[in-house]
C-alpha cells in the first residue's frame, strides 16, 4: 500500500509541475496575431509547421489538413480556443498518434527561427500531450488497486457463499 501511495504522490507532484508549466497564459500570450497570420500565408507550410498544426488539430479533435489549420488560425479567438480546450476527451490513441508526429528535429529554437507563434504553440502542444500521458498513467495506477480490491471482494463473496452452502449441507446431514 505504501508503494501505491508513493506512486500516487510522485504522479501528483509531476502532474502539478506540468500544470504549472502548462499555464497556457505564459506560452499562448506570446503568440502574436501577426505571427499567426504569417502562418496562413503558406499554401504549403514547412514540414515542422505542418507537423505542429497536425498535432494541434489532433488535440482539438479536428480533421488533420492544412486547410483546416489555416481556418482555425484565422479565427480571432484561436488562442482562446486553445487555452480553454478540454483535453479530457483525448483518447490514448489520439495522444500516441500526436506524440508520434513530434520528431527529434522539432524544437522550440528551430521553430522560433521559422515562426515565433509556431514555437510557442509547439510548447503548448507538447505540454498538453505530456499532461495527458501523466493523467493516463495516474488513472492506470489508481485503477489497478481498485481492480484488485473488486476482485478480492468478489472472491470473498464466492468463498462466503461456498461456506454457507457447506454449512447448510452439514446441517442437513446432522
N, C-alpha and C. Protein backbone atom coordinates (compact mmCIF):
# COMPACT_ATOMS: atom_id res chain seq x y z
N UNK A 1 0.82 -1.19 0.00
CA UNK A 1 0.00 0.00 0.00
C UNK A 1 0.87 1.26 0.00
N UNK A 2 2.00 1.19 0.74
CA UNK A 2 2.89 2.35 0.77
C UNK A 2 3.47 2.64 -0.61
N UNK A 3 3.77 1.57 -1.33
CA UNK A 3 4.32 1.75 -2.69
C UNK A 3 3.30 2.46 -3.57
N UNK A 4 2.04 2.03 -3.47
CA UNK A 4 0.97 2.65 -4.27
C UNK A 4 0.84 4.12 -3.91
N UNK A 5 0.84 4.43 -2.61
CA UNK A 5 0.74 5.83 -2.19
C UNK A 5 1.92 6.64 -2.68
N UNK A 6 3.11 6.04 -2.64
CA UNK A 6 4.31 6.75 -3.12
C UNK A 6 4.18 7.05 -4.61
N UNK A 7 3.70 6.07 -5.38
CA UNK A 7 3.49 6.27 -6.82
C UNK A 7 2.51 7.41 -7.04
N UNK A 8 1.40 7.41 -6.27
CA UNK A 8 0.40 8.47 -6.42
C UNK A 8 0.99 9.83 -6.10
N UNK A 9 1.78 9.88 -5.03
CA UNK A 9 2.40 11.16 -4.65
C UNK A 9 3.35 11.65 -5.74
N UNK A 10 4.15 10.73 -6.30
CA UNK A 10 5.08 11.11 -7.36
C UNK A 10 4.32 11.58 -8.59
N UNK A 11 3.27 10.84 -8.95
CA UNK A 11 2.47 11.21 -10.11
C UNK A 11 1.80 12.56 -9.89
N UNK A 12 1.25 12.75 -8.70
CA UNK A 12 0.58 14.02 -8.39
C UNK A 12 1.56 15.18 -8.45
N UNK A 13 2.77 14.97 -7.95
CA UNK A 13 3.78 16.03 -7.98
C UNK A 13 4.17 16.34 -9.42
N UNK A 14 4.31 15.30 -10.23
CA UNK A 14 4.68 15.52 -11.63
C UNK A 14 3.56 16.23 -12.38
N UNK A 15 2.32 15.83 -12.12
CA UNK A 15 1.18 16.50 -12.75
C UNK A 15 1.13 17.96 -12.33
N UNK A 16 1.39 18.21 -11.07
CA UNK A 16 1.40 19.58 -10.55
C UNK A 16 2.43 20.43 -11.30
N UNK A 17 3.62 19.86 -11.52
CA UNK A 17 4.67 20.59 -12.25
C UNK A 17 4.22 20.90 -13.67
N UNK A 18 3.62 19.91 -14.31
CA UNK A 18 3.16 20.11 -15.68
C UNK A 18 2.09 21.19 -15.72
N UNK A 19 1.17 21.13 -14.79
CA UNK A 19 0.09 22.13 -14.78
C UNK A 19 0.69 23.52 -14.62
N UNK A 20 1.70 23.63 -13.76
CA UNK A 20 2.34 24.93 -13.59
C UNK A 20 3.02 25.37 -14.87
N UNK A 21 3.75 24.44 -15.50
CA UNK A 21 4.47 24.83 -16.71
C UNK A 21 3.53 25.03 -17.89
N UNK A 22 2.37 24.38 -17.79
CA UNK A 22 1.44 24.47 -18.91
C UNK A 22 0.65 25.76 -18.88
N UNK A 23 0.77 26.50 -17.80
CA UNK A 23 0.00 27.73 -17.69
C UNK A 23 0.00 28.40 -19.06
N UNK A 24 -0.99 28.03 -19.80
CA UNK A 24 -1.05 28.46 -21.19
C UNK A 24 -0.98 29.95 -21.34
N UNK A 25 -1.31 30.62 -20.28
CA UNK A 25 -1.19 32.07 -20.32
C UNK A 25 0.24 32.45 -20.70
N UNK A 26 1.20 31.72 -20.14
CA UNK A 26 2.60 32.05 -20.39
C UNK A 26 2.99 31.83 -21.84
N UNK A 27 2.70 30.62 -22.35
CA UNK A 27 3.10 30.31 -23.72
C UNK A 27 2.18 30.96 -24.74
N UNK A 28 0.89 30.86 -24.50
CA UNK A 28 -0.05 31.35 -25.50
C UNK A 28 -0.13 32.87 -25.56
N UNK A 29 0.20 33.54 -24.46
CA UNK A 29 0.20 35.01 -24.50
C UNK A 29 1.27 35.52 -25.46
N UNK A 30 2.28 34.72 -25.67
CA UNK A 30 3.38 35.14 -26.54
C UNK A 30 3.07 34.95 -28.02
N UNK A 31 1.94 34.31 -28.28
CA UNK A 31 1.54 34.09 -29.67
C UNK A 31 0.92 35.39 -30.18
N UNK A 32 1.61 36.01 -31.10
CA UNK A 32 1.14 37.29 -31.66
C UNK A 32 0.28 37.03 -32.89
N UNK A 33 -0.75 37.83 -33.01
CA UNK A 33 -1.68 37.69 -34.14
C UNK A 33 -0.95 37.80 -35.48
N UNK A 34 -0.02 38.74 -35.59
CA UNK A 34 0.68 38.90 -36.88
C UNK A 34 1.52 37.67 -37.21
N UNK A 35 2.09 37.01 -36.19
CA UNK A 35 2.84 35.78 -36.46
C UNK A 35 1.91 34.65 -36.90
N UNK A 36 0.72 34.63 -36.31
CA UNK A 36 -0.26 33.63 -36.73
C UNK A 36 -0.69 33.86 -38.18
N UNK A 37 -0.91 35.12 -38.51
CA UNK A 37 -1.35 35.43 -39.87
C UNK A 37 -0.25 35.11 -40.89
N UNK A 38 1.01 35.23 -40.48
CA UNK A 38 2.11 34.82 -41.36
C UNK A 38 1.98 33.34 -41.71
N UNK A 39 1.54 32.55 -40.75
CA UNK A 39 1.37 31.11 -40.99
C UNK A 39 0.31 30.85 -42.05
N UNK A 40 -0.72 31.67 -42.06
CA UNK A 40 -1.81 31.50 -43.03
C UNK A 40 -1.35 31.76 -44.46
N UNK A 41 -0.25 32.47 -44.59
CA UNK A 41 0.22 32.80 -45.94
C UNK A 41 0.81 31.59 -46.66
N UNK A 42 1.11 30.53 -45.93
CA UNK A 42 1.68 29.33 -46.56
C UNK A 42 0.61 28.53 -47.28
N UNK A 43 0.82 28.31 -48.58
CA UNK A 43 -0.05 27.37 -49.29
C UNK A 43 0.34 25.96 -48.85
N UNK A 44 1.64 25.76 -48.73
CA UNK A 44 2.18 24.51 -48.22
C UNK A 44 3.25 24.88 -47.20
N UNK A 45 2.99 24.68 -45.92
CA UNK A 45 3.93 25.13 -44.88
C UNK A 45 5.18 24.26 -44.80
N UNK A 46 6.24 24.77 -44.17
CA UNK A 46 7.41 23.94 -43.91
C UNK A 46 6.98 22.71 -43.08
N UNK A 47 7.69 21.60 -43.24
CA UNK A 47 7.29 20.36 -42.56
C UNK A 47 7.10 20.50 -41.05
N UNK A 48 7.99 21.26 -40.39
CA UNK A 48 7.85 21.40 -38.93
C UNK A 48 6.55 22.12 -38.56
N UNK A 49 6.22 23.15 -39.33
CA UNK A 49 4.98 23.91 -39.06
C UNK A 49 3.78 23.01 -39.28
N UNK A 50 3.79 22.27 -40.38
CA UNK A 50 2.68 21.36 -40.67
C UNK A 50 2.53 20.33 -39.55
N UNK A 51 3.64 19.80 -39.09
CA UNK A 51 3.60 18.81 -38.00
C UNK A 51 2.96 19.39 -36.75
N UNK A 52 3.38 20.60 -36.37
CA UNK A 52 2.82 21.22 -35.17
C UNK A 52 1.31 21.41 -35.31
N UNK A 53 0.88 21.85 -36.46
CA UNK A 53 -0.56 22.07 -36.63
C UNK A 53 -1.33 20.77 -36.80
N UNK A 54 -0.68 19.73 -37.32
CA UNK A 54 -1.31 18.41 -37.32
C UNK A 54 -1.59 17.98 -35.88
N UNK A 55 -0.61 18.20 -35.01
CA UNK A 55 -0.75 17.84 -33.60
C UNK A 55 -1.85 18.67 -32.94
N UNK A 56 -1.84 19.96 -33.20
CA UNK A 56 -2.86 20.84 -32.61
C UNK A 56 -4.26 20.42 -33.07
N UNK A 57 -4.40 20.10 -34.35
CA UNK A 57 -5.70 19.66 -34.86
C UNK A 57 -6.12 18.34 -34.21
N UNK A 58 -5.15 17.43 -34.02
CA UNK A 58 -5.46 16.17 -33.33
C UNK A 58 -5.96 16.44 -31.91
N UNK A 59 -5.26 17.33 -31.21
CA UNK A 59 -5.65 17.68 -29.84
C UNK A 59 -7.05 18.28 -29.82
N UNK A 60 -7.34 19.11 -30.82
CA UNK A 60 -8.64 19.79 -30.88
C UNK A 60 -9.75 18.88 -31.43
N UNK A 61 -9.37 17.70 -31.91
CA UNK A 61 -10.36 16.78 -32.45
C UNK A 61 -10.87 17.18 -33.83
N UNK A 62 -10.04 17.89 -34.57
CA UNK A 62 -10.42 18.35 -35.92
C UNK A 62 -9.70 17.49 -36.96
N UNK A 63 -10.25 17.40 -38.17
CA UNK A 63 -9.57 16.68 -39.24
C UNK A 63 -8.20 17.31 -39.53
N UNK A 64 -7.21 16.45 -39.71
CA UNK A 64 -5.84 16.92 -39.89
C UNK A 64 -5.59 17.24 -41.37
N UNK A 65 -5.77 18.51 -41.70
CA UNK A 65 -5.49 19.03 -43.04
C UNK A 65 -4.99 20.45 -42.86
N UNK A 66 -4.06 20.86 -43.70
CA UNK A 66 -3.52 22.21 -43.58
C UNK A 66 -4.62 23.26 -43.75
N UNK A 67 -5.58 23.00 -44.63
CA UNK A 67 -6.68 23.94 -44.84
C UNK A 67 -7.46 24.15 -43.54
N UNK A 68 -7.69 23.08 -42.81
CA UNK A 68 -8.39 23.20 -41.51
C UNK A 68 -7.56 24.00 -40.52
N UNK A 69 -6.25 23.80 -40.54
CA UNK A 69 -5.37 24.56 -39.65
C UNK A 69 -5.46 26.05 -39.98
N UNK A 70 -5.42 26.36 -41.26
CA UNK A 70 -5.50 27.77 -41.67
C UNK A 70 -6.82 28.39 -41.23
N UNK A 71 -7.90 27.64 -41.37
CA UNK A 71 -9.21 28.16 -40.95
C UNK A 71 -9.24 28.42 -39.45
N UNK A 72 -8.64 27.52 -38.67
CA UNK A 72 -8.59 27.70 -37.21
C UNK A 72 -7.75 28.92 -36.86
N UNK A 73 -6.60 29.05 -37.50
CA UNK A 73 -5.68 30.16 -37.22
C UNK A 73 -6.35 31.50 -37.52
N UNK A 74 -7.13 31.54 -38.59
CA UNK A 74 -7.77 32.79 -39.00
C UNK A 74 -8.85 33.26 -38.03
N UNK A 75 -9.34 32.35 -37.20
CA UNK A 75 -10.36 32.74 -36.22
C UNK A 75 -9.73 33.68 -35.20
N UNK A 76 -10.43 34.74 -34.88
CA UNK A 76 -9.91 35.71 -33.92
C UNK A 76 -9.71 35.10 -32.53
N UNK A 77 -10.51 34.12 -32.21
CA UNK A 77 -10.42 33.51 -30.87
C UNK A 77 -9.62 32.20 -30.86
N UNK A 78 -8.74 32.02 -31.85
CA UNK A 78 -7.95 30.79 -31.96
C UNK A 78 -7.18 30.49 -30.68
N UNK A 79 -6.46 31.45 -30.16
CA UNK A 79 -5.64 31.23 -28.96
C UNK A 79 -6.54 30.96 -27.76
N UNK A 80 -7.65 31.68 -27.66
CA UNK A 80 -8.59 31.42 -26.56
C UNK A 80 -9.18 30.02 -26.65
N UNK A 81 -9.46 29.57 -27.87
CA UNK A 81 -9.97 28.21 -28.05
C UNK A 81 -8.96 27.18 -27.54
N UNK A 82 -7.68 27.41 -27.82
CA UNK A 82 -6.65 26.51 -27.31
C UNK A 82 -6.58 26.57 -25.79
N UNK A 83 -6.58 27.77 -25.29
CA UNK A 83 -6.46 27.98 -23.84
C UNK A 83 -7.59 27.29 -23.08
N UNK A 84 -8.79 27.30 -23.65
CA UNK A 84 -9.96 26.76 -22.97
C UNK A 84 -10.32 25.35 -23.39
N UNK A 85 -9.49 24.75 -24.23
CA UNK A 85 -9.81 23.42 -24.75
C UNK A 85 -9.76 22.37 -23.65
N UNK A 86 -10.78 21.54 -23.59
CA UNK A 86 -10.86 20.47 -22.60
C UNK A 86 -10.15 19.24 -23.15
N UNK A 87 -9.04 18.87 -22.52
CA UNK A 87 -8.25 17.74 -23.04
C UNK A 87 -8.72 16.40 -22.50
N UNK A 88 -9.70 16.40 -21.62
CA UNK A 88 -10.13 15.13 -21.02
C UNK A 88 -10.73 14.18 -22.06
N UNK A 89 -11.15 14.71 -23.19
CA UNK A 89 -11.72 13.86 -24.23
C UNK A 89 -10.68 13.20 -25.12
N UNK A 90 -9.41 13.59 -24.95
CA UNK A 90 -8.35 12.98 -25.76
C UNK A 90 -8.16 11.53 -25.37
N UNK A 91 -8.22 10.65 -26.35
CA UNK A 91 -8.02 9.23 -26.08
C UNK A 91 -6.53 8.90 -26.10
N UNK A 92 -6.20 7.74 -25.61
CA UNK A 92 -4.80 7.28 -25.65
C UNK A 92 -4.30 7.24 -27.09
N UNK A 93 -5.14 6.71 -27.98
CA UNK A 93 -4.74 6.59 -29.38
C UNK A 93 -4.44 7.96 -29.99
N UNK A 94 -5.28 8.95 -29.68
CA UNK A 94 -5.04 10.30 -30.20
C UNK A 94 -3.74 10.87 -29.66
N UNK A 95 -3.50 10.67 -28.37
CA UNK A 95 -2.28 11.20 -27.76
C UNK A 95 -1.05 10.50 -28.33
N UNK A 96 -1.13 9.19 -28.49
CA UNK A 96 0.00 8.45 -29.06
C UNK A 96 0.24 8.89 -30.49
N UNK A 97 -0.83 9.04 -31.25
CA UNK A 97 -0.71 9.49 -32.64
C UNK A 97 -0.07 10.87 -32.72
N UNK A 98 -0.52 11.78 -31.86
CA UNK A 98 0.04 13.13 -31.85
C UNK A 98 1.50 13.11 -31.41
N UNK A 99 1.80 12.33 -30.38
CA UNK A 99 3.17 12.26 -29.88
C UNK A 99 4.11 11.65 -30.91
N UNK A 100 3.61 10.68 -31.67
CA UNK A 100 4.43 10.06 -32.72
C UNK A 100 4.83 11.06 -33.80
N UNK A 101 4.03 12.09 -33.98
CA UNK A 101 4.31 13.08 -35.02
C UNK A 101 5.45 14.03 -34.64
N UNK A 102 5.71 14.15 -33.33
CA UNK A 102 6.79 15.04 -32.90
C UNK A 102 8.12 14.33 -33.16
N UNK A 103 8.89 14.89 -34.04
CA UNK A 103 10.18 14.28 -34.36
C UNK A 103 11.27 14.93 -33.54
N UNK A 104 12.41 14.29 -33.57
CA UNK A 104 13.56 14.83 -32.83
C UNK A 104 14.07 16.12 -33.45
N UNK A 105 13.70 16.35 -34.69
CA UNK A 105 14.16 17.55 -35.39
C UNK A 105 13.41 18.81 -34.96
N UNK A 106 12.27 18.61 -34.32
CA UNK A 106 11.46 19.76 -33.94
C UNK A 106 11.83 20.19 -32.52
N UNK A 107 12.14 21.45 -32.39
CA UNK A 107 12.43 22.02 -31.07
C UNK A 107 11.90 23.44 -31.05
N UNK A 108 11.81 23.97 -29.85
CA UNK A 108 11.36 25.34 -29.69
C UNK A 108 12.25 26.28 -30.49
N UNK A 109 13.57 26.12 -30.36
CA UNK A 109 14.51 27.03 -31.04
C UNK A 109 14.45 26.91 -32.56
N UNK A 110 14.33 25.69 -33.06
CA UNK A 110 14.27 25.54 -34.53
C UNK A 110 12.98 26.15 -35.08
N UNK A 111 11.89 25.99 -34.34
CA UNK A 111 10.62 26.58 -34.79
C UNK A 111 10.62 28.09 -34.67
N UNK A 112 11.28 28.59 -33.63
CA UNK A 112 11.32 30.04 -33.41
C UNK A 112 11.98 30.75 -34.59
N UNK A 113 12.94 30.07 -35.23
CA UNK A 113 13.61 30.66 -36.40
C UNK A 113 12.65 30.76 -37.59
N UNK A 114 11.68 29.85 -37.65
CA UNK A 114 10.72 29.85 -38.76
C UNK A 114 9.56 30.79 -38.45
N UNK A 115 8.96 30.59 -37.27
CA UNK A 115 7.81 31.41 -36.88
C UNK A 115 7.65 31.36 -35.37
N UNK A 116 7.61 32.52 -34.77
CA UNK A 116 7.53 32.64 -33.31
C UNK A 116 6.27 32.00 -32.74
N UNK A 117 5.15 32.23 -33.39
CA UNK A 117 3.88 31.67 -32.90
C UNK A 117 3.93 30.14 -32.90
N UNK A 118 4.48 29.57 -33.96
CA UNK A 118 4.57 28.11 -34.05
C UNK A 118 5.42 27.54 -32.92
N UNK A 119 6.47 28.27 -32.54
CA UNK A 119 7.34 27.80 -31.46
C UNK A 119 6.58 27.73 -30.14
N UNK A 120 5.81 28.76 -29.83
CA UNK A 120 5.05 28.76 -28.58
C UNK A 120 3.87 27.78 -28.63
N UNK A 121 3.30 27.60 -29.81
CA UNK A 121 2.24 26.61 -29.95
C UNK A 121 2.80 25.20 -29.78
N UNK A 122 4.04 25.00 -30.22
CA UNK A 122 4.72 23.72 -30.00
C UNK A 122 4.85 23.44 -28.51
N UNK A 123 5.29 24.44 -27.73
CA UNK A 123 5.41 24.25 -26.28
C UNK A 123 4.07 23.87 -25.67
N UNK A 124 3.03 24.58 -26.10
CA UNK A 124 1.69 24.30 -25.59
C UNK A 124 1.29 22.86 -25.91
N UNK A 125 1.42 22.46 -27.17
CA UNK A 125 1.01 21.12 -27.59
C UNK A 125 1.83 20.04 -26.89
N UNK A 126 3.12 20.25 -26.79
CA UNK A 126 3.99 19.27 -26.13
C UNK A 126 3.60 19.11 -24.66
N UNK A 127 3.32 20.20 -23.98
CA UNK A 127 2.90 20.14 -22.58
C UNK A 127 1.53 19.47 -22.43
N UNK A 128 0.63 19.75 -23.35
CA UNK A 128 -0.70 19.13 -23.31
C UNK A 128 -0.57 17.61 -23.44
N UNK A 129 0.25 17.17 -24.40
CA UNK A 129 0.43 15.73 -24.60
C UNK A 129 1.07 15.09 -23.37
N UNK A 130 2.07 15.76 -22.81
CA UNK A 130 2.74 15.24 -21.63
C UNK A 130 1.76 15.16 -20.45
N UNK A 131 0.96 16.17 -20.28
CA UNK A 131 -0.03 16.17 -19.19
C UNK A 131 -1.02 15.02 -19.37
N UNK A 132 -1.50 14.83 -20.58
CA UNK A 132 -2.49 13.77 -20.82
C UNK A 132 -1.87 12.40 -20.59
N UNK A 133 -0.59 12.21 -21.00
CA UNK A 133 0.10 10.96 -20.72
C UNK A 133 0.14 10.71 -19.21
N UNK A 134 0.47 11.74 -18.45
CA UNK A 134 0.53 11.60 -16.99
C UNK A 134 -0.84 11.28 -16.41
N UNK A 135 -1.88 11.89 -16.97
CA UNK A 135 -3.23 11.59 -16.49
C UNK A 135 -3.57 10.12 -16.73
N UNK A 136 -3.20 9.61 -17.92
CA UNK A 136 -3.44 8.19 -18.21
C UNK A 136 -2.67 7.31 -17.24
N UNK A 137 -1.42 7.64 -17.01
CA UNK A 137 -0.57 6.87 -16.11
C UNK A 137 -1.17 6.87 -14.70
N UNK A 138 -1.61 8.03 -14.27
CA UNK A 138 -2.22 8.17 -12.95
C UNK A 138 -3.50 7.34 -12.86
N UNK A 139 -4.34 7.42 -13.90
CA UNK A 139 -5.58 6.64 -13.92
C UNK A 139 -5.28 5.15 -13.87
N UNK A 140 -4.25 4.72 -14.60
CA UNK A 140 -3.86 3.31 -14.59
C UNK A 140 -3.43 2.88 -13.19
N UNK A 141 -2.63 3.71 -12.54
CA UNK A 141 -2.14 3.37 -11.20
C UNK A 141 -3.27 3.34 -10.18
N UNK A 142 -4.27 4.17 -10.38
CA UNK A 142 -5.42 4.17 -9.47
C UNK A 142 -6.30 2.95 -9.75
N UNK A 143 -6.49 2.64 -11.02
CA UNK A 143 -7.43 1.57 -11.36
C UNK A 143 -6.92 0.19 -10.95
N UNK A 144 -5.61 -0.03 -10.95
CA UNK A 144 -5.09 -1.35 -10.59
C UNK A 144 -5.47 -1.75 -9.17
N UNK A 145 -5.20 -0.91 -8.16
CA UNK A 145 -5.62 -1.29 -6.80
C UNK A 145 -7.14 -1.46 -6.69
N UNK A 146 -7.90 -0.63 -7.42
CA UNK A 146 -9.35 -0.76 -7.37
C UNK A 146 -9.80 -2.08 -7.98
N UNK A 147 -9.17 -2.47 -9.09
CA UNK A 147 -9.50 -3.75 -9.72
C UNK A 147 -9.16 -4.89 -8.76
N UNK A 148 -8.01 -4.78 -8.10
CA UNK A 148 -7.59 -5.81 -7.16
C UNK A 148 -8.57 -5.90 -6.00
N UNK A 149 -9.00 -4.75 -5.48
CA UNK A 149 -9.95 -4.73 -4.38
C UNK A 149 -11.28 -5.34 -4.80
N UNK A 150 -11.75 -5.01 -6.00
CA UNK A 150 -13.00 -5.58 -6.51
C UNK A 150 -12.89 -7.11 -6.62
N UNK A 151 -11.75 -7.55 -7.16
CA UNK A 151 -11.51 -8.98 -7.32
C UNK A 151 -11.52 -9.68 -5.96
N UNK A 152 -10.85 -9.09 -4.97
CA UNK A 152 -10.83 -9.66 -3.62
C UNK A 152 -12.24 -9.72 -3.03
N UNK A 153 -13.00 -8.67 -3.23
CA UNK A 153 -14.39 -8.66 -2.74
C UNK A 153 -15.23 -9.75 -3.40
N UNK A 154 -15.04 -9.93 -4.71
CA UNK A 154 -15.77 -10.98 -5.42
C UNK A 154 -15.36 -12.35 -4.89
N UNK A 155 -14.06 -12.53 -4.64
CA UNK A 155 -13.57 -13.80 -4.09
C UNK A 155 -14.18 -14.06 -2.72
N UNK A 156 -14.24 -13.03 -1.89
CA UNK A 156 -14.85 -13.17 -0.56
C UNK A 156 -16.31 -13.61 -0.67
N UNK A 157 -17.03 -13.00 -1.61
CA UNK A 157 -18.44 -13.37 -1.80
C UNK A 157 -18.58 -14.83 -2.21
N UNK A 158 -17.73 -15.26 -3.14
CA UNK A 158 -17.78 -16.65 -3.60
C UNK A 158 -17.44 -17.59 -2.44
N UNK A 159 -16.39 -17.26 -1.69
CA UNK A 159 -15.97 -18.10 -0.56
C UNK A 159 -17.08 -18.15 0.49
N UNK A 160 -17.64 -17.00 0.83
CA UNK A 160 -18.73 -16.97 1.82
C UNK A 160 -19.93 -17.79 1.34
N UNK A 161 -20.23 -17.71 0.07
CA UNK A 161 -21.33 -18.48 -0.50
C UNK A 161 -21.05 -19.97 -0.38
N UNK A 162 -19.83 -20.38 -0.69
CA UNK A 162 -19.45 -21.80 -0.59
C UNK A 162 -19.51 -22.28 0.86
N UNK A 163 -19.02 -21.44 1.77
CA UNK A 163 -19.07 -21.79 3.20
C UNK A 163 -20.52 -21.97 3.64
N UNK A 164 -21.38 -21.06 3.22
CA UNK A 164 -22.80 -21.13 3.57
C UNK A 164 -23.41 -22.43 3.04
N UNK A 165 -23.10 -22.77 1.79
CA UNK A 165 -23.63 -24.00 1.19
C UNK A 165 -23.12 -25.23 1.94
N UNK A 166 -21.83 -25.21 2.30
CA UNK A 166 -21.27 -26.33 3.05
C UNK A 166 -21.92 -26.46 4.43
N UNK A 167 -22.12 -25.33 5.10
CA UNK A 167 -22.76 -25.35 6.42
C UNK A 167 -24.19 -25.87 6.31
N UNK A 168 -24.88 -25.44 5.28
CA UNK A 168 -26.26 -25.86 5.05
C UNK A 168 -26.31 -27.38 4.81
N UNK A 169 -25.39 -27.88 4.01
CA UNK A 169 -25.31 -29.30 3.72
C UNK A 169 -24.98 -30.09 4.99
N UNK A 170 -24.07 -29.52 5.78
CA UNK A 170 -23.65 -30.16 7.02
C UNK A 170 -24.84 -30.29 7.98
N UNK A 171 -25.66 -29.23 8.06
CA UNK A 171 -26.84 -29.25 8.94
C UNK A 171 -27.84 -30.31 8.49
N UNK A 172 -27.99 -30.47 7.18
CA UNK A 172 -28.92 -31.48 6.65
C UNK A 172 -28.45 -32.88 7.00
N UNK A 173 -27.14 -33.06 6.98
CA UNK A 173 -26.60 -34.38 7.28
C UNK A 173 -26.69 -34.71 8.76
N UNK A 174 -26.70 -33.67 9.59
CA UNK A 174 -26.78 -33.90 11.05
C UNK A 174 -28.18 -34.20 11.41
